[in-house]
C-alpha atoms as a PDB file:
ATOM      1  CA  MET A   1    -102.858  47.617-160.991  1.00  0.00           C
ATOM      2  CA  ILE A   2    -101.336  50.615-162.736  1.00  0.00           C
ATOM      3  CA  PRO A   3    -103.712  53.629-162.946  1.00  0.00           C
ATOM      4  CA  GLU A   4    -102.815  54.267-166.603  1.00  0.00           C
ATOM      5  CA  ALA A   5    -103.978  50.727-167.446  1.00  0.00           C
ATOM      6  CA  ALA A   6    -107.576  51.323-166.259  1.00  0.00           C
ATOM      7  CA  SER A   7    -108.855  52.205-169.754  1.00  0.00           C
ATOM      8  CA  TYR A   8    -107.630  48.954-171.292  1.00  0.00           C
ATOM      9  CA  GLN A   9    -110.010  46.040-171.770  1.00  0.00           C
ATOM     10  CA  VAL A  10    -107.306  43.467-171.154  1.00  0.00           C
ATOM     11  CA  VAL A  11    -103.828  43.849-169.618  1.00  0.00           C
ATOM     12  CA  ALA A  12    -100.933  41.442-169.136  1.00  0.00           C
ATOM     13  CA  TYR A  13     -97.747  41.812-167.111  1.00  0.00           C
ATOM     14  CA  TYR A  14     -94.518  39.837-167.508  1.00  0.00           C
ATOM     15  CA  PRO A  15     -92.490  40.069-164.265  1.00  0.00           C
ATOM     16  CA  TYR A  16     -88.714  40.139-164.135  1.00  0.00           C
ATOM     17  CA  TRP A  17     -86.699  38.873-161.176  1.00  0.00           C
ATOM     18  CA  ARG A  18     -83.026  39.218-160.416  1.00  0.00           C
ATOM     19  CA  GLU A  19     -81.556  36.898-157.815  1.00  0.00           C
ATOM     20  CA  GLY A  20     -85.018  36.177-156.419  1.00  0.00           C
ATOM     21  CA  VAL A  21     -85.930  39.857-156.030  1.00  0.00           C
ATOM     22  CA  PRO A  22     -88.521  41.623-158.210  1.00  0.00           C
ATOM     23  CA  PHE A  23     -86.704  43.822-160.703  1.00  0.00           C
ATOM     24  CA  GLY A  24     -89.445  45.121-162.987  1.00  0.00           C
ATOM     25  CA  PHE A  25     -92.061  44.043-165.461  1.00  0.00           C
ATOM     26  CA  PHE A  26     -93.136  44.298-169.080  1.00  0.00           C
ATOM     27  CA  GLY A  27     -96.772  45.216-169.599  1.00  0.00           C
ATOM     28  CA  MET A  28     -99.087  45.164-172.568  1.00  0.00           C
ATOM     29  CA  GLY A  29    -102.687  46.307-172.859  1.00  0.00           C
ATOM     30  CA  SER A  30    -105.433  46.199-175.440  1.00  0.00           C
ATOM     31  CA  LEU A  31    -108.432  48.458-175.943  1.00  0.00           C
ATOM     32  CA  ALA A  32    -110.105  45.932-178.239  1.00  0.00           C
ATOM     33  CA  GLY A  33    -111.942  43.057-176.680  1.00  0.00           C
ATOM     34  CA  PRO A  34    -112.271  41.338-173.363  1.00  0.00           C
ATOM     35  CA  ALA A  35    -109.589  38.708-174.014  1.00  0.00           C
ATOM     36  CA  TRP A  36    -106.259  38.188-175.777  1.00  0.00           C
ATOM     37  CA  SER A  37    -106.246  36.296-179.051  1.00  0.00           C
ATOM     38  CA  ALA A  38    -103.914  33.312-179.339  1.00  0.00           C
ATOM     39  CA  ARG A  39    -101.610  35.392-181.565  1.00  0.00           C
ATOM     40  CA  GLU A  40    -101.538  38.290-179.074  1.00  0.00           C
ATOM     41  CA  ARG A  41    -100.685  35.900-176.205  1.00  0.00           C
ATOM     42  CA  THR A  42     -97.930  34.328-178.274  1.00  0.00           C
ATOM     43  CA  VAL A  43     -96.451  37.711-179.226  1.00  0.00           C
ATOM     44  CA  PHE A  44     -96.634  38.961-175.624  1.00  0.00           C
ATOM     45  CA  LEU A  45     -94.941  35.858-174.218  1.00  0.00           C
ATOM     46  CA  ALA A  46     -92.269  35.919-176.923  1.00  0.00           C
ATOM     47  CA  LEU A  47     -91.490  39.593-176.293  1.00  0.00           C
ATOM     48  CA  GLY A  48     -91.504  39.113-172.541  1.00  0.00           C
ATOM     49  CA  ARG A  49     -89.123  36.153-172.776  1.00  0.00           C
ATOM     50  CA  ALA A  50     -86.855  37.952-175.279  1.00  0.00           C
ATOM     51  CA  LEU A  51     -86.559  40.928-172.941  1.00  0.00           C
ATOM     52  CA  GLN A  52     -85.856  38.610-170.013  1.00  0.00           C
ATOM     53  CA  LEU A  53     -83.050  36.916-171.954  1.00  0.00           C
ATOM     54  CA  ALA A  54     -81.598  40.291-172.964  1.00  0.00           C
ATOM     55  CA  LEU A  55     -81.640  41.439-169.337  1.00  0.00           C
ATOM     56  CA  GLU A  56     -79.971  38.219-168.199  1.00  0.00           C
ATOM     57  CA  ARG A  57     -77.258  38.589-170.866  1.00  0.00           C
ATOM     58  CA  ALA A  58     -76.642  42.177-169.764  1.00  0.00           C
ATOM     59  CA  TRP A  59     -76.448  41.121-166.108  1.00  0.00           C
ATOM     60  CA  HIS A  60     -74.040  38.277-166.935  1.00  0.00           C
ATOM     61  CA  ALA A  61     -71.870  40.643-168.986  1.00  0.00           C
ATOM     62  CA  GLU A  62     -71.829  43.083-166.060  1.00  0.00           C
ATOM     63  CA  GLU A  63     -70.829  40.295-163.652  1.00  0.00           C
ATOM     64  CA  ARG A  64     -68.110  39.080-166.057  1.00  0.00           C
ATOM     65  CA  GLU A  65     -66.712  42.593-166.354  1.00  0.00           C
ATOM     66  CA  THR A  66     -66.641  42.937-162.570  1.00  0.00           C
ATOM     67  CA  ARG A  67     -64.796  39.596-162.253  1.00  0.00           C
ATOM     68  CA  ILE A  68     -62.331  40.604-164.977  1.00  0.00           C
ATOM     69  CA  GLN A  69     -61.601  43.899-163.212  1.00  0.00           C
ATOM     70  CA  GLU A  70     -61.073  42.083-159.902  1.00  0.00           C
ATOM     71  CA  LEU A  71     -58.694  39.602-161.550  1.00  0.00           C
ATOM     72  CA  GLU A  72     -56.791  42.471-163.173  1.00  0.00           C
ATOM     73  CA  ARG A  73     -56.451  44.148-159.761  1.00  0.00           C
ATOM     74  CA  GLN A  74     -55.180  40.900-158.256  1.00  0.00           C
ATOM     75  CA  VAL A  75     -52.642  40.450-161.067  1.00  0.00           C
ATOM     76  CA  HIS A  76     -51.493  44.059-160.667  1.00  0.00           C
ATOM     77  CA  THR A  77     -51.151  43.582-156.920  1.00  0.00           C
ATOM     78  CA  GLY A  78     -49.090  40.451-157.458  1.00  0.00           C
ATOM     79  CA  ARG A  79     -46.816  42.247-159.924  1.00  0.00           C
ATOM     80  CA  VAL A  80     -46.289  45.189-157.580  1.00  0.00           C
ATOM     81  CA  PHE A  81     -45.333  42.915-154.697  1.00  0.00           C
ATOM     82  CA  ALA A  82     -43.122  40.894-157.039  1.00  0.00           C
ATOM     83  CA  GLU A  83     -41.268  44.130-157.836  1.00  0.00           C
ATOM     84  CA  LEU A  84     -40.667  44.657-154.143  1.00  0.00           C
ATOM     85  CA  THR A  85     -39.471  41.121-153.447  1.00  0.00           C
ATOM     86  CA  GLN A  86     -37.209  41.012-156.513  1.00  0.00           C
ATOM     87  CA  ASP A  87     -35.359  44.149-155.506  1.00  0.00           C
ATOM     88  CA  LEU A  88     -32.510  42.672-153.487  1.00  0.00           C
ATOM     89  CA  THR A  89     -30.848  46.029-152.822  1.00  0.00           C
ATOM     90  CA  PHE A  90     -32.949  46.568-149.694  1.00  0.00           C
ATOM     91  CA  ASN A  91     -30.556  45.919-146.830  1.00  0.00           C
ATOM     92  CA  ASP A  92     -32.135  48.410-144.474  1.00  0.00           C
ATOM     93  CA  PRO A  93     -35.346  47.154-142.775  1.00  0.00           C
ATOM     94  CA  ALA A  94     -36.633  50.724-142.404  1.00  0.00           C
ATOM     95  CA  ALA A  95     -36.201  51.368-146.155  1.00  0.00           C
ATOM     96  CA  LEU A  96     -37.960  48.099-146.968  1.00  0.00           C
ATOM     97  CA  THR A  97     -40.796  49.012-144.614  1.00  0.00           C
ATOM     98  CA  ARG A  98     -41.142  52.444-146.212  1.00  0.00           C
ATOM     99  CA  GLU A  99     -41.215  50.921-149.702  1.00  0.00           C
ATOM    100  CA  ALA A 100     -43.877  48.414-148.652  1.00  0.00           C
ATOM    101  CA  GLU A 101     -45.855  51.347-147.257  1.00  0.00           C
ATOM    102  CA  HIS A 102     -45.543  53.214-150.572  1.00  0.00           C
ATOM    103  CA  LEU A 103     -46.723  50.123-152.456  1.00  0.00           C
ATOM    104  CA  LEU A 104     -49.768  49.887-150.221  1.00  0.00           C
ATOM    105  CA  PHE A 105     -50.588  53.522-150.962  1.00  0.00           C
ATOM    106  CA  ARG A 106     -50.308  52.765-154.702  1.00  0.00           C
ATOM    107  CA  LEU A 107     -52.590  49.764-154.397  1.00  0.00           C
ATOM    108  CA  LEU A 108     -55.057  51.274-151.922  1.00  0.00           C
ATOM    109  CA  PRO A 109     -55.395  55.015-152.542  1.00  0.00           C
ATOM    110  CA  GLY A 110     -56.588  56.801-149.446  1.00  0.00           C
ATOM    111  CA  ALA A 111     -55.456  53.972-147.165  1.00  0.00           C
ATOM    112  CA  SER A 112     -53.974  54.525-143.753  1.00  0.00           C
ATOM    113  CA  VAL A 113     -50.933  52.495-142.751  1.00  0.00           C
ATOM    114  CA  GLN A 114     -49.810  51.888-139.212  1.00  0.00           C
ATOM    115  CA  TYR A 115     -46.825  49.853-138.107  1.00  0.00           C
ATOM    116  CA  TRP A 116     -44.490  49.534-135.161  1.00  0.00           C
ATOM    117  CA  ILE A 117     -40.781  50.225-135.245  1.00  0.00           C
ATOM    118  CA  GLN A 118     -38.005  49.645-132.708  1.00  0.00           C
ATOM    119  CA  GLN A 119     -36.300  52.846-131.675  1.00  0.00           C
ATOM    120  CA  ASP A 120     -33.874  53.243-128.789  1.00  0.00           C
ATOM    121  CA  GLY A 121     -34.816  49.803-127.493  1.00  0.00           C
ATOM    122  CA  GLU A 122     -38.523  50.570-127.399  1.00  0.00           C
ATOM    123  CA  GLY A 123     -41.335  49.908-129.822  1.00  0.00           C
ATOM    124  CA  ARG A 124     -43.337  52.860-131.055  1.00  0.00           C
ATOM    125  CA  VAL A 125     -46.173  53.311-133.518  1.00  0.00           C
ATOM    126  CA  ALA A 126     -45.296  54.962-136.825  1.00  0.00           C
ATOM    127  CA  ALA A 127     -48.012  56.092-139.232  1.00  0.00           C
ATOM    128  CA  GLY A 128     -47.210  56.354-142.935  1.00  0.00           C
ATOM    129  CA  ALA A 129     -47.797  59.192-145.349  1.00  0.00           C
ATOM    130  CA  ALA A 130     -47.818  58.903-149.141  1.00  0.00           C
ATOM    131  CA  PRO A 131     -44.776  60.606-150.675  1.00  0.00           C
ATOM    132  CA  GLU A 132     -44.706  62.102-154.165  1.00  0.00           C
ATOM    133  CA  ARG A 133     -42.915  59.080-155.690  1.00  0.00           C
ATOM    134  CA  THR A 134     -41.900  55.641-154.553  1.00  0.00           C
ATOM    135  CA  ARG A 135     -38.439  54.188-155.024  1.00  0.00           C
ATOM    136  CA  LEU A 136     -39.824  51.963-157.788  1.00  0.00           C
ATOM    137  CA  GLY A 137     -40.797  55.096-159.702  1.00  0.00           C
ATOM    138  CA  ALA A 138     -44.605  54.963-159.781  1.00  0.00           C
ATOM    139  CA  PRO A 139     -46.589  57.906-158.484  1.00  0.00           C
ATOM    140  CA  ALA A 140     -47.994  57.412-155.024  1.00  0.00           C
ATOM    141  CA  ALA A 141     -51.688  57.984-154.309  1.00  0.00           C
ATOM    142  CA  GLY A 142     -52.417  61.683-154.639  1.00  0.00           C
ATOM    143  CA  GLY A 143     -48.860  62.338-155.785  1.00  0.00           C
ATOM    144  CA  GLY A 144     -47.545  63.881-159.010  1.00  0.00           C
END
């Protein structure tokens, strides 16, 4: 019971659930009479259902927008890696590795990259840092 509803003669609540979890409710009260009239019940149920449908439409639109943004990120990622694989001028493995690192920084700002390189016959860990610009011309994360 809601304290503010104590003065009402009759109160009704229309609960809203999202994915099986209580989300909120729509309430209506009346100071006149001990019971709802048939018209009042009909209006309350219609308003409650209309609000529920509006909430569901808003939630579906939000989910659609999230899916669209994820698909756009996936398409962008695919295009960026296509740029890298189509550039056949990479004949130096170290340059190719650096460019892949730069692409990762573009796609995942704030990421940390770690890879191993062969130097003087031994493997060593090399950590990447985002440069101002990549070879493909796009600004790197945090770059100008």
